[in-house]
């Protein structure tokens, strides 16, 4: 999962460079991702822990409530996945292009 977060962060940085009217470069994106590596590793640890817990909860609910439990557990997992989509851009922007503008 950390590899996915790393390359997503590099891609997000390149997209932000493009939106800012600058020429995006793969090298700059990779350098930015390396610079945010401690934050990305911490996020990966949190995300993996929550996913394991949600998976266990979903299995428990499925055993107890059948289809309804699977539906409830799946809804929780879907909500978590939606939240995680917004974390990588925040990791990249924090101290990045947003702070250069003043």
PDB file of N, CA and C in Angstrom:
ATOM      1  N   UNK A   1       0.818  -1.188   0.000  1.00  0.00           N
ATOM      2  CA  UNK A   1       0.000   0.000   0.000  1.00  0.00           C
ATOM      3  C   UNK A   1       0.867   1.259   0.000  1.00  0.00           C
ATOM      4  N   UNK A   2       2.006   1.190   0.641  1.00  0.00           N
ATOM      5  CA  UNK A   2       2.880   2.364   0.701  1.00  0.00           C
ATOM      6  C   UNK A   2       3.363   2.756  -0.696  1.00  0.00           C
ATOM      7  N   UNK A   3       3.593   1.789  -1.548  1.00  0.00           N
ATOM      8  CA  UNK A   3       4.037   2.079  -2.916  1.00  0.00           C
ATOM      9  C   UNK A   3       2.938   2.813  -3.676  1.00  0.00           C
ATOM     10  N   UNK A   4       1.703   2.391  -3.468  1.00  0.00           N
ATOM     11  CA  UNK A   4       0.581   3.055  -4.123  1.00  0.00           C
ATOM     12  C   UNK A   4       0.474   4.498  -3.651  1.00  0.00           C
ATOM     13  N   UNK A   5       0.580   4.712  -2.355  1.00  0.00           N
ATOM     14  CA  UNK A   5       0.501   6.069  -1.798  1.00  0.00           C
ATOM     15  C   UNK A   5       1.653   6.922  -2.321  1.00  0.00           C
ATOM     16  N   UNK A   6       2.847   6.345  -2.414  1.00  0.00           N
ATOM     17  CA  UNK A   6       4.015   7.085  -2.887  1.00  0.00           C
ATOM     18  C   UNK A   6       3.802   7.600  -4.310  1.00  0.00           C
ATOM     19  N   UNK A   7       3.415   6.717  -5.211  1.00  0.00           N
ATOM     20  CA  UNK A   7       3.266   7.134  -6.602  1.00  0.00           C
ATOM     21  C   UNK A   7       2.026   8.008  -6.802  1.00  0.00           C
ATOM     22  N   UNK A   8       1.003   7.810  -5.996  1.00  0.00           N
ATOM     23  CA  UNK A   8      -0.161   8.694  -6.053  1.00  0.00           C
ATOM     24  C   UNK A   8       0.231  10.099  -5.613  1.00  0.00           C
ATOM     25  N   UNK A   9       1.060  10.201  -4.590  1.00  0.00           N
ATOM     26  CA  UNK A   9       1.532  11.507  -4.128  1.00  0.00           C
ATOM     27  C   UNK A   9       2.344  12.205  -5.224  1.00  0.00           C
ATOM     28  N   UNK A  10       3.200  11.473  -5.911  1.00  0.00           N
ATOM     29  CA  UNK A  10       3.976  12.064  -7.004  1.00  0.00           C
ATOM     30  C   UNK A  10       3.046  12.555  -8.119  1.00  0.00           C
ATOM     31  N   UNK A  11       2.037  11.773  -8.444  1.00  0.00           N
ATOM     32  CA  UNK A  11       1.076  12.156  -9.477  1.00  0.00           C
ATOM     33  C   UNK A  11       0.273  13.388  -9.055  1.00  0.00           C
ATOM     34  N   UNK A  12      -0.156  13.421  -7.808  1.00  0.00           N
ATOM     35  CA  UNK A  12      -0.917  14.570  -7.305  1.00  0.00           C
ATOM     36  C   UNK A  12      -0.068  15.836  -7.371  1.00  0.00           C
ATOM     37  N   UNK A  13       1.198  15.738  -6.993  1.00  0.00           N
ATOM     38  CA  UNK A  13       2.063  16.912  -7.053  1.00  0.00           C
ATOM     39  C   UNK A  13       2.209  17.405  -8.496  1.00  0.00           C
ATOM     40  N   UNK A  14       2.382  16.494  -9.434  1.00  0.00           N
ATOM     41  CA  UNK A  14       2.493  16.880 -10.843  1.00  0.00           C
ATOM     42  C   UNK A  14       1.198  17.543 -11.323  1.00  0.00           C
ATOM     43  N   UNK A  15       0.064  17.017 -10.904  1.00  0.00           N
ATOM     44  CA  UNK A  15      -1.221  17.626 -11.281  1.00  0.00           C
ATOM     45  C   UNK A  15      -1.335  19.033 -10.693  1.00  0.00           C
ATOM     46  N   UNK A  16      -0.906  19.206  -9.456  1.00  0.00           N
ATOM     47  CA  UNK A  16      -0.949  20.528  -8.835  1.00  0.00           C
ATOM     48  C   UNK A  16      -0.020  21.509  -9.544  1.00  0.00           C
ATOM     49  N   UNK A  17       1.135  21.028  -9.979  1.00  0.00           N
ATOM     50  CA  UNK A  17       2.036  21.893 -10.751  1.00  0.00           C
ATOM     51  C   UNK A  17       1.363  22.340 -12.039  1.00  0.00           C
ATOM     52  N   UNK A  18       0.698  21.422 -12.702  1.00  0.00           N
ATOM     53  CA  UNK A  18       0.019  21.744 -13.947  1.00  0.00           C
ATOM     54  C   UNK A  18      -1.108  22.753 -13.717  1.00  0.00           C
ATOM     55  N   UNK A  19      -1.890  22.555 -12.668  1.00  0.00           N
ATOM     56  CA  UNK A  19      -2.977  23.487 -12.355  1.00  0.00           C
ATOM     57  C   UNK A  19      -2.450  24.869 -12.005  1.00  0.00           C
ATOM     58  N   UNK A  20      -1.238  24.931 -11.446  1.00  0.00           N
ATOM     59  CA  UNK A  20      -0.631  26.217 -11.081  1.00  0.00           C
ATOM     60  C   UNK A  20       0.021  26.902 -12.288  1.00  0.00           C
ATOM     61  N   UNK A  21      -0.076  26.291 -13.463  1.00  0.00           N
ATOM     62  CA  UNK A  21       0.486  26.879 -14.665  1.00  0.00           C
ATOM     63  C   UNK A  21       1.965  26.587 -14.853  1.00  0.00           C
ATOM     64  N   UNK A  22       2.505  25.694 -14.045  1.00  0.00           N
ATOM     65  CA  UNK A  22       3.911  25.319 -14.165  1.00  0.00           C
ATOM     66  C   UNK A  22       4.019  24.051 -15.011  1.00  0.00           C
ATOM     67  N   UNK A  23       5.210  23.790 -15.494  1.00  0.00           N
ATOM     68  CA  UNK A  23       5.464  22.584 -16.275  1.00  0.00           C
ATOM     69  C   UNK A  23       5.674  21.411 -15.313  1.00  0.00           C
ATOM     70  N   UNK A  24       4.772  20.420 -15.321  1.00  0.00           N
ATOM     71  CA  UNK A  24       4.951  19.289 -14.402  1.00  0.00           C
ATOM     72  C   UNK A  24       6.115  18.409 -14.840  1.00  0.00           C
ATOM     73  N   UNK A  25       6.816  17.864 -13.850  1.00  0.00           N
ATOM     74  CA  UNK A  25       7.886  16.934 -14.180  1.00  0.00           C
ATOM     75  C   UNK A  25       7.826  15.745 -13.233  1.00  0.00           C
ATOM     76  N   UNK A  26       8.109  14.593 -13.790  1.00  0.00           N
ATOM     77  CA  UNK A  26       8.096  13.366 -13.007  1.00  0.00           C
ATOM     78  C   UNK A  26       9.139  13.432 -11.900  1.00  0.00           C
ATOM     79  N   UNK A  27      10.286  14.002 -12.205  1.00  0.00           N
ATOM     80  CA  UNK A  27      11.353  14.107 -11.208  1.00  0.00           C
ATOM     81  C   UNK A  27      10.915  14.952 -10.009  1.00  0.00           C
ATOM     82  N   UNK A  28      10.281  16.079 -10.283  1.00  0.00           N
ATOM     83  CA  UNK A  28       9.816  16.944  -9.197  1.00  0.00           C
ATOM     84  C   UNK A  28       8.755  16.236  -8.356  1.00  0.00           C
ATOM     85  N   UNK A  29       7.880  15.493  -9.012  1.00  0.00           N
ATOM     86  CA  UNK A  29       6.864  14.737  -8.288  1.00  0.00           C
ATOM     87  C   UNK A  29       7.470  13.675  -7.386  1.00  0.00           C
ATOM     88  N   UNK A  30       8.475  12.978  -7.895  1.00  0.00           N
ATOM     89  CA  UNK A  30       9.146  11.933  -7.099  1.00  0.00           C
ATOM     90  C   UNK A  30       9.915  12.554  -5.930  1.00  0.00           C
ATOM     91  N   UNK A  31      10.572  13.683  -6.175  1.00  0.00           N
ATOM     92  CA  UNK A  31      11.300  14.357  -5.102  1.00  0.00           C
ATOM     93  C   UNK A  31      10.328  14.797  -4.010  1.00  0.00           C
ATOM     94  N   UNK A  32       9.194  15.327  -4.415  1.00  0.00           N
ATOM     95  CA  UNK A  32       8.188  15.755  -3.436  1.00  0.00           C
ATOM     96  C   UNK A  32       7.659  14.565  -2.638  1.00  0.00           C
ATOM     97  N   UNK A  33       7.433  13.458  -3.326  1.00  0.00           N
ATOM     98  CA  UNK A  33       6.939  12.258  -2.646  1.00  0.00           C
ATOM     99  C   UNK A  33       7.972  11.733  -1.649  1.00  0.00           C
ATOM    100  N   UNK A  34       9.237  11.762  -2.038  1.00  0.00           N
ATOM    101  CA  UNK A  34      10.295  11.324  -1.109  1.00  0.00           C
ATOM    102  C   UNK A  34      10.343  12.255   0.105  1.00  0.00           C
ATOM    103  N   UNK A  35      10.136  13.536  -0.117  1.00  0.00           N
ATOM    104  CA  UNK A  35      10.144  14.492   0.978  1.00  0.00           C
ATOM    105  C   UNK A  35       9.006  14.287   1.970  1.00  0.00           C
ATOM    106  N   UNK A  36       7.917  13.695   1.525  1.00  0.00           N
ATOM    107  CA  UNK A  36       6.757  13.449   2.387  1.00  0.00           C
ATOM    108  C   UNK A  36       6.685  11.985   2.848  1.00  0.00           C
ATOM    109  N   UNK A  37       7.773  11.242   2.659  1.00  0.00           N
ATOM    110  CA  UNK A  37       7.775   9.809   2.972  1.00  0.00           C
ATOM    111  C   UNK A  37       7.416   9.487   4.427  1.00  0.00           C
ATOM    112  N   UNK A  38       7.936  10.206   5.428  1.00  0.00           N
ATOM    113  CA  UNK A  38       7.535   9.873   6.806  1.00  0.00           C
ATOM    114  C   UNK A  38       6.025  10.012   7.032  1.00  0.00           C
ATOM    115  N   UNK A  39       5.426  11.053   6.476  1.00  0.00           N
ATOM    116  CA  UNK A  39       3.990  11.246   6.620  1.00  0.00           C
ATOM    117  C   UNK A  39       3.221  10.145   5.891  1.00  0.00           C
ATOM    118  N   UNK A  40       3.715   9.757   4.716  1.00  0.00           N
ATOM    119  CA  UNK A  40       3.049   8.708   3.958  1.00  0.00           C
ATOM    120  C   UNK A  40       3.159   7.362   4.667  1.00  0.00           C
ATOM    121  N   UNK A  41       4.306   7.081   5.268  1.00  0.00           N
ATOM    122  CA  UNK A  41       4.449   5.822   6.008  1.00  0.00           C
ATOM    123  C   UNK A  41       3.516   5.794   7.217  1.00  0.00           C
ATOM    124  N   UNK A  42       3.402   6.913   7.913  1.00  0.00           N
ATOM    125  CA  UNK A  42       2.481   6.981   9.051  1.00  0.00           C
ATOM    126  C   UNK A  42       1.042   6.781   8.585  1.00  0.00           C
ATOM    127  N   UNK A  43       0.676   7.432   7.483  1.00  0.00           N
ATOM    128  CA  UNK A  43      -0.680   7.272   6.960  1.00  0.00           C
ATOM    129  C   UNK A  43      -0.934   5.828   6.540  1.00  0.00           C
ATOM    130  N   UNK A  44       0.044   5.196   5.911  1.00  0.00           N
ATOM    131  CA  UNK A  44      -0.107   3.811   5.490  1.00  0.00           C
ATOM    132  C   UNK A  44      -0.354   2.908   6.688  1.00  0.00           C
ATOM    133  N   UNK A  45       0.359   3.148   7.770  1.00  0.00           N
ATOM    134  CA  UNK A  45       0.148   2.360   8.988  1.00  0.00           C
ATOM    135  C   UNK A  45      -1.265   2.546   9.533  1.00  0.00           C
ATOM    136  N   UNK A  46      -1.728   3.774   9.583  1.00  0.00           N
ATOM    137  CA  UNK A  46      -3.088   4.049  10.068  1.00  0.00           C
ATOM    138  C   UNK A  46      -4.121   3.414   9.146  1.00  0.00           C
ATOM    139  N   UNK A  47      -3.978   3.628   7.851  1.00  0.00           N
ATOM    140  CA  UNK A  47      -4.953   3.117   6.889  1.00  0.00           C
ATOM    141  C   UNK A  47      -5.013   1.593   6.907  1.00  0.00           C
ATOM    142  N   UNK A  48      -3.871   0.945   6.991  1.00  0.00           N
ATOM    143  CA  UNK A  48      -3.842  -0.514   7.021  1.00  0.00           C
ATOM    144  C   UNK A  48      -4.496  -1.040   8.290  1.00  0.00           C
ATOM    145  N   UNK A  49      -4.222  -0.408   9.419  1.00  0.00           N
ATOM    146  CA  UNK A  49      -4.822  -0.825  10.681  1.00  0.00           C
ATOM    147  C   UNK A  49      -6.342  -0.690  10.632  1.00  0.00           C
ATOM    148  N   UNK A  50      -6.824   0.427  10.137  1.00  0.00           N
ATOM    149  CA  UNK A  50      -8.270   0.637  10.051  1.00  0.00           C
ATOM    150  C   UNK A  50      -8.900  -0.363   9.085  1.00  0.00           C
ATOM    151  N   UNK A  51      -8.253  -0.631   7.962  1.00  0.00           N
ATOM    152  CA  UNK A  51      -8.799  -1.586   7.006  1.00  0.00           C
ATOM    153  C   UNK A  51      -8.889  -2.987   7.586  1.00  0.00           C
ATOM    154  N   UNK A  52      -7.882  -3.397   8.348  1.00  0.00           N
ATOM    155  CA  UNK A  52      -7.922  -4.717   8.986  1.00  0.00           C
ATOM    156  C   UNK A  52      -9.074  -4.778   9.990  1.00  0.00           C
ATOM    157  N   UNK A  53      -9.226  -3.710  10.771  1.00  0.00           N
ATOM    158  CA  UNK A  53     -10.317  -3.671  11.755  1.00  0.00           C
ATOM    159  C   UNK A  53     -11.685  -3.669  11.066  1.00  0.00           C
ATOM    160  N   UNK A  54     -11.822  -2.915   9.988  1.00  0.00           N
ATOM    161  CA  UNK A  54     -13.086  -2.903   9.255  1.00  0.00           C
ATOM    162  C   UNK A  54     -13.391  -4.254   8.631  1.00  0.00           C
ATOM    163  N   UNK A  55     -12.367  -4.926   8.145  1.00  0.00           N
ATOM    164  CA  UNK A  55     -12.555  -6.253   7.564  1.00  0.00           C
ATOM    165  C   UNK A  55     -13.026  -7.241   8.629  1.00  0.00           C
ATOM    166  N   UNK A  56     -12.413  -7.166   9.811  1.00  0.00           N
ATOM    167  CA  UNK A  56     -12.831  -8.044  10.907  1.00  0.00           C
ATOM    168  C   UNK A  56     -14.268  -7.733  11.326  1.00  0.00           C
ATOM    169  N   UNK A  57     -14.610  -6.467  11.405  1.00  0.00           N
ATOM    170  CA  UNK A  57     -15.969  -6.066  11.762  1.00  0.00           C
ATOM    171  C   UNK A  57     -16.970  -6.533  10.717  1.00  0.00           C
ATOM    172  N   UNK A  58     -16.611  -6.391   9.458  1.00  0.00           N
ATOM    173  CA  UNK A  58     -17.494  -6.824   8.387  1.00  0.00           C
ATOM    174  C   UNK A  58     -17.727  -8.327   8.453  1.00  0.00           C
ATOM    175  N   UNK A  59     -16.682  -9.098   8.694  1.00  0.00           N
ATOM    176  CA  UNK A  59     -16.844 -10.547   8.815  1.00  0.00           C
ATOM    177  C   UNK A  59     -17.704 -10.915  10.016  1.00  0.00           C
ATOM    178  N   UNK A  60     -17.499 -10.221  11.134  1.00  0.00           N
ATOM    179  CA  UNK A  60     -18.304 -10.465  12.333  1.00  0.00           C
ATOM    180  C   UNK A  60     -19.781 -10.173  12.067  1.00  0.00           C
ATOM    181  N   UNK A  61     -20.046  -9.004  11.456  1.00  0.00           N
ATOM    182  CA  UNK A  61     -21.427  -8.635  11.158  1.00  0.00           C
ATOM    183  C   UNK A  61     -22.065  -9.596  10.164  1.00  0.00           C
ATOM    184  N   UNK A  62     -21.277 -10.047   9.200  1.00  0.00           N
ATOM    185  CA  UNK A  62     -21.794 -10.986   8.204  1.00  0.00           C
ATOM    186  C   UNK A  62     -22.183 -12.306   8.856  1.00  0.00           C
ATOM    187  N   UNK A  63     -21.367 -12.781   9.803  1.00  0.00           N
ATOM    188  CA  UNK A  63     -21.688 -14.018  10.511  1.00  0.00           C
ATOM    189  C   UNK A  63     -22.933 -13.864  11.367  1.00  0.00           C
ATOM    190  N   UNK A  64     -23.085 -12.712  12.015  1.00  0.00           N
ATOM    191  CA  UNK A  64     -24.212 -12.489  12.936  1.00  0.00           C
ATOM    192  C   UNK A  64     -25.507 -12.126  12.226  1.00  0.00           C
ATOM    193  N   UNK A  65     -25.407 -11.271  11.208  1.00  0.00           N
ATOM    194  CA  UNK A  65     -26.614 -10.731  10.589  1.00  0.00           C
ATOM    195  C   UNK A  65     -26.819 -11.165   9.141  1.00  0.00           C
ATOM    196  N   UNK A  66     -25.913 -11.942   8.610  1.00  0.00           N
ATOM    197  CA  UNK A  66     -26.048 -12.405   7.224  1.00  0.00           C
ATOM    198  C   UNK A  66     -25.861 -11.283   6.231  1.00  0.00           C
ATOM    199  N   UNK A  67     -26.811 -11.209   5.279  1.00  0.00           N
ATOM    200  CA  UNK A  67     -26.712 -10.213   4.209  1.00  0.00           C
ATOM    201  C   UNK A  67     -26.719  -8.791   4.763  1.00  0.00           C
ATOM    202  N   UNK A  68     -27.568  -8.525   5.749  1.00  0.00           N
ATOM    203  CA  UNK A  68     -27.631  -7.186   6.332  1.00  0.00           C
ATOM    204  C   UNK A  68     -26.298  -6.795   6.975  1.00  0.00           C
ATOM    205  N   UNK A  69     -25.649  -7.732   7.644  1.00  0.00           N
ATOM    206  CA  UNK A  69     -24.344  -7.471   8.234  1.00  0.00           C
ATOM    207  C   UNK A  69     -23.286  -7.186   7.187  1.00  0.00           C
ATOM    208  N   UNK A  70     -23.326  -7.954   6.090  1.00  0.00           N
ATOM    209  CA  UNK A  70     -22.378  -7.714   5.000  1.00  0.00           C
ATOM    210  C   UNK A  70     -22.611  -6.341   4.383  1.00  0.00           C
ATOM    211  N   UNK A  71     -23.885  -5.963   4.276  1.00  0.00           N
ATOM    212  CA  UNK A  71     -24.224  -4.653   3.727  1.00  0.00           C
ATOM    213  C   UNK A  71     -23.738  -3.532   4.643  1.00  0.00           C
ATOM    214  N   UNK A  72     -23.954  -3.672   5.944  1.00  0.00           N
ATOM    215  CA  UNK A  72     -23.490  -2.659   6.902  1.00  0.00           C
ATOM    216  C   UNK A  72     -21.967  -2.557   6.906  1.00  0.00           C
ATOM    217  N   UNK A  73     -21.303  -3.699   6.934  1.00  0.00           N
ATOM    218  CA  UNK A  73     -19.839  -3.698   6.907  1.00  0.00           C
ATOM    219  C   UNK A  73     -19.286  -3.123   5.621  1.00  0.00           C
ATOM    220  N   UNK A  74     -19.931  -3.440   4.516  1.00  0.00           N
ATOM    221  CA  UNK A  74     -19.513  -2.902   3.225  1.00  0.00           C
ATOM    222  C   UNK A  74     -19.704  -1.398   3.144  1.00  0.00           C
ATOM    223  N   UNK A  75     -20.752  -0.898   3.780  1.00  0.00           N
ATOM    224  CA  UNK A  75     -20.984   0.539   3.816  1.00  0.00           C
ATOM    225  C   UNK A  75     -19.880   1.249   4.595  1.00  0.00           C
ATOM    226  N   UNK A  76     -19.456   0.645   5.710  1.00  0.00           N
ATOM    227  CA  UNK A  76     -18.354   1.218   6.480  1.00  0.00           C
ATOM    228  C   UNK A  76     -17.059   1.228   5.692  1.00  0.00           C
ATOM    229  N   UNK A  77     -16.797   0.134   4.986  1.00  0.00           N
ATOM    230  CA  UNK A  77     -15.583   0.066   4.168  1.00  0.00           C
ATOM    231  C   UNK A  77     -15.633   1.076   3.030  1.00  0.00           C
ATOM    232  N   UNK A  78     -16.801   1.257   2.437  1.00  0.00           N
ATOM    233  CA  UNK A  78     -16.953   2.239   1.363  1.00  0.00           C
ATOM    234  C   UNK A  78     -16.710   3.656   1.879  1.00  0.00           C
ATOM    235  N   UNK A  79     -17.238   3.953   3.056  1.00  0.00           N
ATOM    236  CA  UNK A  79     -17.022   5.273   3.648  1.00  0.00           C
ATOM    237  C   UNK A  79     -15.543   5.508   3.935  1.00  0.00           C
ATOM    238  N   UNK A  80     -14.854   4.498   4.451  1.00  0.00           N
ATOM    239  CA  UNK A  80     -13.423   4.637   4.734  1.00  0.00           C
ATOM    240  C   UNK A  80     -12.642   4.863   3.446  1.00  0.00           C
ATOM    241  N   UNK A  81     -12.980   4.131   2.390  1.00  0.00           N
ATOM    242  CA  UNK A  81     -12.291   4.306   1.110  1.00  0.00           C
ATOM    243  C   UNK A  81     -12.515   5.706   0.549  1.00  0.00           C
ATOM    244  N   UNK A  82     -13.704   6.253   0.740  1.00  0.00           N
ATOM    245  CA  UNK A  82     -13.973   7.620   0.277  1.00  0.00           C
ATOM    246  C   UNK A  82     -13.115   8.625   1.037  1.00  0.00           C
ATOM    247  N   UNK A  83     -12.968   8.429   2.331  1.00  0.00           N
ATOM    248  CA  UNK A  83     -12.141   9.337   3.144  1.00  0.00           C
ATOM    249  C   UNK A  83     -10.683   9.256   2.721  1.00  0.00           C
ATOM    250  N   UNK A  84     -10.190   8.067   2.466  1.00  0.00           N
ATOM    251  CA  UNK A  84      -8.777   7.905   2.136  1.00  0.00           C
ATOM    252  C   UNK A  84      -8.407   8.563   0.808  1.00  0.00           C
ATOM    253  N   UNK A  85      -9.376   8.754  -0.076  1.00  0.00           N
ATOM    254  CA  UNK A  85      -9.085   9.418  -1.357  1.00  0.00           C
ATOM    255  C   UNK A  85      -8.602  10.853  -1.168  1.00  0.00           C
ATOM    256  N   UNK A  86      -9.000  11.481  -0.075  1.00  0.00           N
ATOM    257  CA  UNK A  86      -8.663  12.883   0.145  1.00  0.00           C
ATOM    258  C   UNK A  86      -7.405  13.077   0.979  1.00  0.00           C
ATOM    259  N   UNK A  87      -6.833  12.021   1.494  1.00  0.00           N
ATOM    260  CA  UNK A  87      -5.684  12.158   2.388  1.00  0.00           C
ATOM    261  C   UNK A  87      -4.398  12.420   1.616  1.00  0.00           C
ATOM    262  N   UNK A  88      -4.156  11.706   0.539  1.00  0.00           N
ATOM    263  CA  UNK A  88      -2.895  11.860  -0.202  1.00  0.00           C
ATOM    264  C   UNK A  88      -2.730  13.286  -0.729  1.00  0.00           C
ATOM    265  N   UNK A  89      -3.752  13.908  -1.317  1.00  0.00           N
ATOM    266  CA  UNK A  89      -3.556  15.310  -1.725  1.00  0.00           C
ATOM    267  C   UNK A  89      -3.212  16.232  -0.557  1.00  0.00           C
ATOM    268  N   UNK A  90      -3.789  15.989   0.601  1.00  0.00           N
ATOM    269  CA  UNK A  90      -3.467  16.806   1.767  1.00  0.00           C
ATOM    270  C   UNK A  90      -2.015  16.582   2.182  1.00  0.00           C
ATOM    271  N   UNK A  91      -1.558  15.346   2.124  1.00  0.00           N
ATOM    272  CA  UNK A  91      -0.163  15.057   2.452  1.00  0.00           C
ATOM    273  C   UNK A  91       0.780  15.792   1.518  1.00  0.00           C
ATOM    274  N   UNK A  92       0.423  15.866   0.251  1.00  0.00           N
ATOM    275  CA  UNK A  92       1.283  16.504  -0.740  1.00  0.00           C
ATOM    276  C   UNK A  92       1.245  18.020  -0.614  1.00  0.00           C
ATOM    277  N   UNK A  93       0.072  18.587  -0.438  1.00  0.00           N
ATOM    278  CA  UNK A  93      -0.085  20.035  -0.411  1.00  0.00           C
ATOM    279  C   UNK A  93       0.483  20.641   0.864  1.00  0.00           C
ATOM    280  N   UNK A  94       0.408  19.961   1.967  1.00  0.00           N
ATOM    281  CA  UNK A  94       0.877  20.495   3.235  1.00  0.00           C
ATOM    282  C   UNK A  94       2.348  20.915   3.106  1.00  0.00           C
ATOM    283  N   UNK A  95       2.577  22.225   3.074  1.00  0.00           N
ATOM    284  CA  UNK A  95       3.924  22.738   2.930  1.00  0.00           C
ATOM    285  C   UNK A  95       4.421  22.782   1.502  1.00  0.00           C
ATOM    286  N   UNK A  96       3.547  22.512   0.536  1.00  0.00           N
ATOM    287  CA  UNK A  96       3.966  22.453  -0.854  1.00  0.00           C
ATOM    288  C   UNK A  96       3.584  23.698  -1.627  1.00  0.00           C
ATOM    289  N   UNK A  97       2.922  23.535  -2.758  1.00  0.00           N
ATOM    290  CA  UNK A  97       2.561  24.644  -3.630  1.00  0.00           C
ATOM    291  C   UNK A  97       1.658  25.641  -2.927  1.00  0.00           C
ATOM    292  N   UNK A  98       0.802  25.162  -2.042  1.00  0.00           N
ATOM    293  CA  UNK A  98      -0.141  26.068  -1.370  1.00  0.00           C
ATOM    294  C   UNK A  98       0.585  27.090  -0.508  1.00  0.00           C
ATOM    295  N   UNK A  99       1.691  26.704   0.116  1.00  0.00           N
ATOM    296  CA  UNK A  99       2.387  27.631   1.006  1.00  0.00           C
ATOM    297  C   UNK A  99       3.286  28.606   0.229  1.00  0.00           C
ATOM    298  N   UNK A 100       3.585  28.328  -1.025  1.00  0.00           N
ATOM    299  CA  UNK A 100       4.434  29.215  -1.816  1.00  0.00           C
ATOM    300  C   UNK A 100       3.699  30.484  -2.205  1.00  0.00           C
ATOM    301  N   UNK A 101       2.367  30.375  -2.319  1.00  0.00           N
ATOM    302  CA  UNK A 101       1.588  31.519  -2.771  1.00  0.00           C
ATOM    303  C   UNK A 101       1.468  32.614  -1.728  1.00  0.00           C
ATOM    304  N   UNK A 102       1.790  32.335  -0.488  1.00  0.00           N
ATOM    305  CA  UNK A 102       1.725  33.386   0.505  1.00  0.00           C
ATOM    306  C   UNK A 102       0.671  33.111   1.431  1.00  0.00           C
TER     307      UNK A 102
END
